[in-house]
Each structure stands twice: as C-alpha cells, then as structure tokens.
Amino acid sequence: MNPEELLYAKTHEWVRIEDQDGGKLAVVGLSAFALEALTDLVYIELPEVDRQVAAGESFGEIESVKAVSDLYAPVTGDIVDVNTELPDRIESLGDDPYDSGWIIKIRITDESGLGELMDHTAYQKQCEEEGD
C-alpha cells in the first residue's frame, strides 16, 4: 500500500477506507514515523473483536524498550477484525507497516470523525514539526 494514499490521525495511526457491504471499513495501522520513533518493539496489546470504539479512544498498547504507547482509534465504529499474528511477529510492523502491519479493522458507524484525519502531505508536515 502506498502511504501517500492513506489518511492519518494526529496520534500516528494510518487509515485505509474500504467500501464493504454498503458501509465503510477502516483498516488501521501505525505509521512508519511512529514505529521508527518507538524502535525495538517488544509487545503489542490487541483489542477484542466486536468491541465498539470511539474516535480518539485507546484500543490497545504497543511497548518498546523505550516506552509504552497507547494505540488510538482514528474512527468510531465496531472492531470487526484484529491482526492476531502481530504479537508473535511484532517486528513485521516495522518491516511492512502499511500492508501486513495492519492492526485492526473497524466498521465505521459514525463518519463524522473522518474529517479530523489528515492526508499524507499534512501528516508529513506534522512529523517534520515533531522531529524538530
């Protein structure tokens, strides 16, 4: 997946919107920028399928040797799928963050949060500002 085609949350989650059964599905992962900042990942806590999340709500944690960081839902909806392979191969997040590194899939129930997400250009600007 091309990172330039994705949307991004201020908390560094990426979102790919897909049409599914007349609704919208958000595939969610963590950006390469965030993964590089975390370095040396050791653990990821994933949510349960069927859990409802609100945009901005923590749905899990990712732990590196440096810090523990919350993972935030970029949209409101129901978690319909979780990448259960990640805990056993957490290093794959950094290897391929925008494809096999997806974390959860959310069936969007409220599209109003989509307007809060950034395109790639705006997200790159945020990353540059954080890097200063």
C-alpha atoms as a PDB file:
ATOM      1  CA  MET A   1       0.000   0.000   0.000  1.00  0.00           C
ATOM      2  CA  ASN A   2       1.245   3.439  -0.882  1.00  0.00           C
ATOM      3  CA  PRO A   3       1.453   5.621   2.269  1.00  0.00           C
ATOM      4  CA  GLU A   4       0.505   8.643   0.159  1.00  0.00           C
ATOM      5  CA  GLU A   5      -2.967   7.175  -0.439  1.00  0.00           C
ATOM      6  CA  LEU A   6      -3.786   6.812   3.269  1.00  0.00           C
ATOM      7  CA  LEU A   7      -5.300   9.093   5.883  1.00  0.00           C
ATOM      8  CA  TYR A   8      -3.599   9.771   9.219  1.00  0.00           C
ATOM      9  CA  ALA A   9      -4.576  10.597  12.792  1.00  0.00           C
ATOM     10  CA  LYS A  10      -2.611  13.105  14.875  1.00  0.00           C
ATOM     11  CA  THR A  11      -1.623  10.133  17.086  1.00  0.00           C
ATOM     12  CA  HIS A  12       0.186   8.471  14.125  1.00  0.00           C
ATOM     13  CA  GLU A  13      -2.321   5.779  13.186  1.00  0.00           C
ATOM     14  CA  TRP A  14      -2.890   5.376   9.456  1.00  0.00           C
ATOM     15  CA  VAL A  15      -6.288   4.596   7.954  1.00  0.00           C
ATOM     16  CA  ARG A  16      -7.277   2.984   4.674  1.00  0.00           C
ATOM     17  CA  ILE A  17     -11.002   3.331   3.940  1.00  0.00           C
ATOM     18  CA  GLU A  18     -12.613   0.454   2.033  1.00  0.00           C
ATOM     19  CA  ASP A  19     -16.211   0.002   0.922  1.00  0.00           C
ATOM     20  CA  GLN A  20     -17.791  -3.106   2.401  1.00  0.00           C
ATOM     21  CA  ASP A  21     -21.385  -4.330   2.284  1.00  0.00           C
ATOM     22  CA  GLY A  22     -22.787  -0.862   1.690  1.00  0.00           C
ATOM     23  CA  GLY A  23     -20.750   0.641   4.536  1.00  0.00           C
ATOM     24  CA  LYS A  24     -17.218   1.768   5.156  1.00  0.00           C
ATOM     25  CA  LEU A  25     -14.422  -0.261   6.695  1.00  0.00           C
ATOM     26  CA  ALA A  26     -11.330   1.392   8.176  1.00  0.00           C
ATOM     27  CA  VAL A  27      -8.131  -0.654   8.109  1.00  0.00           C
ATOM     28  CA  VAL A  28      -5.861   0.805  10.811  1.00  0.00           C
ATOM     29  CA  GLY A  29      -2.137   0.567  11.427  1.00  0.00           C
ATOM     30  CA  LEU A  30       0.739   2.565  12.881  1.00  0.00           C
ATOM     31  CA  SER A  31       2.827   4.853  10.674  1.00  0.00           C
ATOM     32  CA  ALA A  32       6.463   4.237   9.838  1.00  0.00           C
ATOM     33  CA  PHE A  33       7.301   7.533  11.566  1.00  0.00           C
ATOM     34  CA  ALA A  34       5.800   6.296  14.851  1.00  0.00           C
ATOM     35  CA  LEU A  35       7.444   2.896  14.552  1.00  0.00           C
ATOM     36  CA  GLU A  36      10.859   4.468  13.948  1.00  0.00           C
ATOM     37  CA  ALA A  37      10.369   6.695  16.997  1.00  0.00           C
ATOM     38  CA  LEU A  38       9.437   3.710  19.176  1.00  0.00           C
ATOM     39  CA  THR A  39      12.262   1.407  17.972  1.00  0.00           C
ATOM     40  CA  ASP A  40      12.836  -2.111  19.360  1.00  0.00           C
ATOM     41  CA  LEU A  41       9.216  -3.242  19.777  1.00  0.00           C
ATOM     42  CA  VAL A  42       8.642  -5.926  22.403  1.00  0.00           C
ATOM     43  CA  TYR A  43       4.865  -6.243  22.907  1.00  0.00           C
ATOM     44  CA  ILE A  44       1.500  -5.259  21.463  1.00  0.00           C
ATOM     45  CA  GLU A  45      -1.855  -5.497  23.241  1.00  0.00           C
ATOM     46  CA  LEU A  46      -4.734  -6.010  20.832  1.00  0.00           C
ATOM     47  CA  PRO A  47      -8.465  -5.439  21.449  1.00  0.00           C
ATOM     48  CA  GLU A  48     -11.256  -7.986  21.203  1.00  0.00           C
ATOM     49  CA  VAL A  49     -13.282  -8.335  18.015  1.00  0.00           C
ATOM     50  CA  ASP A  50     -16.808  -6.847  18.334  1.00  0.00           C
ATOM     51  CA  ARG A  51     -15.622  -4.107  20.705  1.00  0.00           C
ATOM     52  CA  GLN A  52     -17.048  -0.678  19.984  1.00  0.00           C
ATOM     53  CA  VAL A  53     -14.582   2.212  19.865  1.00  0.00           C
ATOM     54  CA  ALA A  54     -14.970   5.966  19.554  1.00  0.00           C
ATOM     55  CA  ALA A  55     -12.605   8.144  17.559  1.00  0.00           C
ATOM     56  CA  GLY A  56      -9.735   9.124  19.834  1.00  0.00           C
ATOM     57  CA  GLU A  57     -10.312   6.235  22.257  1.00  0.00           C
ATOM     58  CA  SER A  58      -7.431   3.928  23.177  1.00  0.00           C
ATOM     59  CA  PHE A  59      -7.918   0.406  21.820  1.00  0.00           C
ATOM     60  CA  GLY A  60      -4.604  -1.151  22.848  1.00  0.00           C
ATOM     61  CA  GLU A  61      -0.956  -0.570  23.641  1.00  0.00           C
ATOM     62  CA  ILE A  62       2.378  -1.004  21.946  1.00  0.00           C
ATOM     63  CA  GLU A  63       5.517  -1.382  24.000  1.00  0.00           C
ATOM     64  CA  SER A  64       9.133  -0.816  23.026  1.00  0.00           C
ATOM     65  CA  VAL A  65      12.263  -0.972  25.121  1.00  0.00           C
ATOM     66  CA  LYS A  66      11.884   2.832  25.480  1.00  0.00           C
ATOM     67  CA  ALA A  67       8.206   3.373  26.253  1.00  0.00           C
ATOM     68  CA  VAL A  68       4.630   2.109  26.328  1.00  0.00           C
ATOM     69  CA  SER A  69       2.286   3.967  23.982  1.00  0.00           C
ATOM     70  CA  ASP A  70      -1.470   3.801  23.598  1.00  0.00           C
ATOM     71  CA  LEU A  71      -2.976   2.968  20.224  1.00  0.00           C
ATOM     72  CA  TYR A  72      -5.950   5.177  19.373  1.00  0.00           C
ATOM     73  CA  ALA A  73      -8.967   4.508  17.188  1.00  0.00           C
ATOM     74  CA  PRO A  74      -8.976   7.086  14.381  1.00  0.00           C
ATOM     75  CA  VAL A  75     -12.680   6.495  13.661  1.00  0.00           C
ATOM     76  CA  THR A  76     -15.831   5.473  15.515  1.00  0.00           C
ATOM     77  CA  GLY A  77     -17.237   2.006  14.959  1.00  0.00           C
ATOM     78  CA  ASP A  78     -17.097  -1.701  15.696  1.00  0.00           C
ATOM     79  CA  ILE A  79     -13.852  -3.669  15.585  1.00  0.00           C
ATOM     80  CA  VAL A  80     -14.550  -6.472  13.112  1.00  0.00           C
ATOM     81  CA  ASP A  81     -11.065  -7.942  12.696  1.00  0.00           C
ATOM     82  CA  VAL A  82      -7.757  -7.977  14.573  1.00  0.00           C
ATOM     83  CA  ASN A  83      -4.345  -8.940  13.182  1.00  0.00           C
ATOM     84  CA  THR A  84      -3.759 -11.812  15.623  1.00  0.00           C
ATOM     85  CA  GLU A  85      -0.385 -12.627  14.042  1.00  0.00           C
ATOM     86  CA  LEU A  86       1.199  -9.376  15.280  1.00  0.00           C
ATOM     87  CA  PRO A  87       2.041 -10.388  18.876  1.00  0.00           C
ATOM     88  CA  ASP A  88       4.087 -13.340  17.591  1.00  0.00           C
ATOM     89  CA  ARG A  89       5.859 -11.331  14.895  1.00  0.00           C
ATOM     90  CA  ILE A  90       5.823  -7.759  16.146  1.00  0.00           C
ATOM     91  CA  GLU A  91       8.941  -6.959  14.131  1.00  0.00           C
ATOM     92  CA  SER A  92       6.817  -7.201  10.974  1.00  0.00           C
ATOM     93  CA  LEU A  93       5.197  -3.904  11.920  1.00  0.00           C
ATOM     94  CA  GLY A  94       8.403  -2.067  11.067  1.00  0.00           C
ATOM     95  CA  ASP A  95       9.117  -4.239   8.018  1.00  0.00           C
ATOM     96  CA  ASP A  96       5.789  -3.538   6.323  1.00  0.00           C
ATOM     97  CA  PRO A  97       3.728  -1.030   8.346  1.00  0.00           C
ATOM     98  CA  TYR A  98       1.275  -0.221   5.542  1.00  0.00           C
ATOM     99  CA  ASP A  99       0.293  -3.695   4.411  1.00  0.00           C
ATOM    100  CA  SER A 100       0.898  -6.795   6.554  1.00  0.00           C
ATOM    101  CA  GLY A 101       1.390  -4.470   9.544  1.00  0.00           C
ATOM    102  CA  TRP A 102      -2.297  -3.556   9.807  1.00  0.00           C
ATOM    103  CA  ILE A 103      -3.543  -3.795  13.405  1.00  0.00           C
ATOM    104  CA  ILE A 104      -7.362  -3.666  13.385  1.00  0.00           C
ATOM    105  CA  LYS A 105     -10.308  -3.221  11.046  1.00  0.00           C
ATOM    106  CA  ILE A 106     -13.225  -1.039  12.156  1.00  0.00           C
ATOM    107  CA  ARG A 107     -16.690  -0.995  10.593  1.00  0.00           C
ATOM    108  CA  ILE A 108     -17.385   2.745  10.694  1.00  0.00           C
ATOM    109  CA  THR A 109     -20.659   3.647  12.409  1.00  0.00           C
ATOM    110  CA  ASP A 110     -20.118   7.424  12.515  1.00  0.00           C
ATOM    111  CA  GLU A 111     -18.320   9.069   9.612  1.00  0.00           C
ATOM    112  CA  SER A 112     -18.013  12.483  11.270  1.00  0.00           C
ATOM    113  CA  GLY A 113     -14.517  11.626  12.569  1.00  0.00           C
ATOM    114  CA  LEU A 114     -13.178  11.164   9.044  1.00  0.00           C
ATOM    115  CA  GLY A 115     -12.916  14.942   8.668  1.00  0.00           C
ATOM    116  CA  GLU A 116     -10.374  15.025  11.502  1.00  0.00           C
ATOM    117  CA  LEU A 117      -7.929  12.803   9.633  1.00  0.00           C
ATOM    118  CA  MET A 118      -5.025  14.247   7.646  1.00  0.00           C
ATOM    119  CA  ASP A 119      -3.852  13.461   4.160  1.00  0.00           C
ATOM    120  CA  HIS A 120      -0.246  12.377   3.610  1.00  0.00           C
ATOM    121  CA  THR A 121       1.053  15.912   2.979  1.00  0.00           C
ATOM    122  CA  ALA A 122      -0.439  17.303   6.200  1.00  0.00           C
ATOM    123  CA  TYR A 123       0.801  14.289   8.145  1.00  0.00           C
ATOM    124  CA  GLN A 124       4.342  14.694   6.776  1.00  0.00           C
ATOM    125  CA  LYS A 125       4.270  18.325   7.947  1.00  0.00           C
ATOM    126  CA  GLN A 126       3.232  17.219  11.452  1.00  0.00           C
ATOM    127  CA  CYS A 127       6.062  14.651  11.524  1.00  0.00           C
ATOM    128  CA  GLU A 128       8.617  17.276  10.467  1.00  0.00           C
ATOM    129  CA  GLU A 129       7.414  19.596  13.236  1.00  0.00           C
ATOM    130  CA  GLU A 130       7.655  16.816  15.812  1.00  0.00           C
ATOM    131  CA  GLY A 131      11.129  15.919  14.573  1.00  0.00           C
ATOM    132  CA  ASP A 132      12.483  19.422  15.273  1.00  0.00           C
END
